[in-house]
């Protein structure tokens, strides 16, 4: 998108420009998906380590309420 916008390429773009646009769009989408997955994995690992170290389990907290 950046390439097409700033290069002044109109509707008569060549096949190379269209292929470049498709490839960069796919790479950008994959990057966003991988970023989301890695962020979720890191957060799960963090809370797993907190649970192991401090043991603030939810069931224990519920038992303390009763």
C-alpha atoms as a PDB file:
ATOM      1  CA  UNK A   1       0.000   0.000   0.000  1.00  0.00           C
ATOM      2  CA  UNK A   2       2.809   2.367   0.921  1.00  0.00           C
ATOM      3  CA  UNK A   3       4.616   1.550  -2.325  1.00  0.00           C
ATOM      4  CA  UNK A   4       1.551   2.132  -4.496  1.00  0.00           C
ATOM      5  CA  UNK A   5       0.577   5.359  -2.726  1.00  0.00           C
ATOM      6  CA  UNK A   6       3.929   7.102  -2.803  1.00  0.00           C
ATOM      7  CA  UNK A   7       5.201   5.870  -6.140  1.00  0.00           C
ATOM      8  CA  UNK A   8       2.327   7.494  -7.978  1.00  0.00           C
ATOM      9  CA  UNK A   9       1.311   4.275  -9.653  1.00  0.00           C
ATOM     10  CA  UNK A  10      -2.210   4.551 -11.029  1.00  0.00           C
ATOM     11  CA  UNK A  11      -4.782   1.985 -11.976  1.00  0.00           C
ATOM     12  CA  UNK A  12      -2.580   0.761 -14.826  1.00  0.00           C
ATOM     13  CA  UNK A  13      -0.087  -0.838 -12.441  1.00  0.00           C
ATOM     14  CA  UNK A  14       2.055  -3.647 -13.690  1.00  0.00           C
ATOM     15  CA  UNK A  15       1.809  -7.201 -12.516  1.00  0.00           C
ATOM     16  CA  UNK A  16       4.983  -6.787 -10.437  1.00  0.00           C
ATOM     17  CA  UNK A  17       3.397  -4.007  -8.389  1.00  0.00           C
ATOM     18  CA  UNK A  18       0.275  -6.061  -7.757  1.00  0.00           C
ATOM     19  CA  UNK A  19       2.309  -9.097  -6.737  1.00  0.00           C
ATOM     20  CA  UNK A  20       4.459  -6.934  -4.459  1.00  0.00           C
ATOM     21  CA  UNK A  21       1.330  -5.484  -2.857  1.00  0.00           C
ATOM     22  CA  UNK A  22      -0.146  -8.955  -2.265  1.00  0.00           C
ATOM     23  CA  UNK A  23       3.087 -10.330  -0.804  1.00  0.00           C
ATOM     24  CA  UNK A  24       3.573  -7.399   1.566  1.00  0.00           C
ATOM     25  CA  UNK A  25      -0.056  -7.632   2.667  1.00  0.00           C
ATOM     26  CA  UNK A  26       0.353 -11.322   3.471  1.00  0.00           C
ATOM     27  CA  UNK A  27       3.593 -10.699   5.365  1.00  0.00           C
ATOM     28  CA  UNK A  28       1.966  -7.901   7.357  1.00  0.00           C
ATOM     29  CA  UNK A  29      -1.004 -10.092   8.252  1.00  0.00           C
ATOM     30  CA  UNK A  30       1.235 -12.952   9.346  1.00  0.00           C
ATOM     31  CA  UNK A  31       3.307 -10.568  11.437  1.00  0.00           C
ATOM     32  CA  UNK A  32       0.216  -9.307  13.240  1.00  0.00           C
ATOM     33  CA  UNK A  33      -0.974 -12.865  13.915  1.00  0.00           C
ATOM     34  CA  UNK A  34       2.438 -13.973  15.196  1.00  0.00           C
ATOM     35  CA  UNK A  35       2.676 -10.892  17.415  1.00  0.00           C
ATOM     36  CA  UNK A  36      -0.698 -11.693  18.960  1.00  0.00           C
ATOM     37  CA  UNK A  37       0.166 -15.348  19.525  1.00  0.00           C
ATOM     38  CA  UNK A  38       3.536 -14.524  21.083  1.00  0.00           C
ATOM     39  CA  UNK A  39       1.974 -11.929  23.399  1.00  0.00           C
ATOM     40  CA  UNK A  40      -0.629 -14.436  24.576  1.00  0.00           C
ATOM     41  CA  UNK A  41       2.012 -17.114  25.120  1.00  0.00           C
ATOM     42  CA  UNK A  42       4.173 -14.773  27.178  1.00  0.00           C
ATOM     43  CA  UNK A  43       1.226 -13.698  29.330  1.00  0.00           C
ATOM     44  CA  UNK A  44       0.190 -17.314  29.967  1.00  0.00           C
ATOM     45  CA  UNK A  45       3.758 -18.175  30.929  1.00  0.00           C
ATOM     46  CA  UNK A  46       3.953 -15.187  33.285  1.00  0.00           C
ATOM     47  CA  UNK A  47       0.770 -16.131  35.138  1.00  0.00           C
ATOM     48  CA  UNK A  48       1.895 -19.758  35.259  1.00  0.00           C
ATOM     49  CA  UNK A  49       5.142 -18.720  36.960  1.00  0.00           C
ATOM     50  CA  UNK A  50       3.271 -16.451  39.395  1.00  0.00           C
ATOM     51  CA  UNK A  51       0.934 -19.309  40.256  1.00  0.00           C
ATOM     52  CA  UNK A  52       3.862 -21.648  40.919  1.00  0.00           C
ATOM     53  CA  UNK A  53       5.834 -19.152  43.002  1.00  0.00           C
ATOM     54  CA  UNK A  54       3.140 -17.398  45.052  1.00  0.00           C
ATOM     55  CA  UNK A  55       0.354 -20.024  44.829  1.00  0.00           C
ATOM     56  CA  UNK A  56      -2.569 -17.592  44.927  1.00  0.00           C
ATOM     57  CA  UNK A  57      -4.885 -20.225  43.464  1.00  0.00           C
ATOM     58  CA  UNK A  58      -8.472 -19.311  42.791  1.00  0.00           C
ATOM     59  CA  UNK A  59      -9.845 -22.327  44.661  1.00  0.00           C
ATOM     60  CA  UNK A  60      -7.867 -21.385  47.755  1.00  0.00           C
ATOM     61  CA  UNK A  61      -9.269 -17.853  47.648  1.00  0.00           C
ATOM     62  CA  UNK A  62     -12.810 -19.199  47.272  1.00  0.00           C
ATOM     63  CA  UNK A  63     -12.311 -21.525  50.268  1.00  0.00           C
ATOM     64  CA  UNK A  64     -11.162 -18.573  52.382  1.00  0.00           C
ATOM     65  CA  UNK A  65     -14.395 -16.712  51.595  1.00  0.00           C
ATOM     66  CA  UNK A  66     -16.617 -19.461  53.080  1.00  0.00           C
END
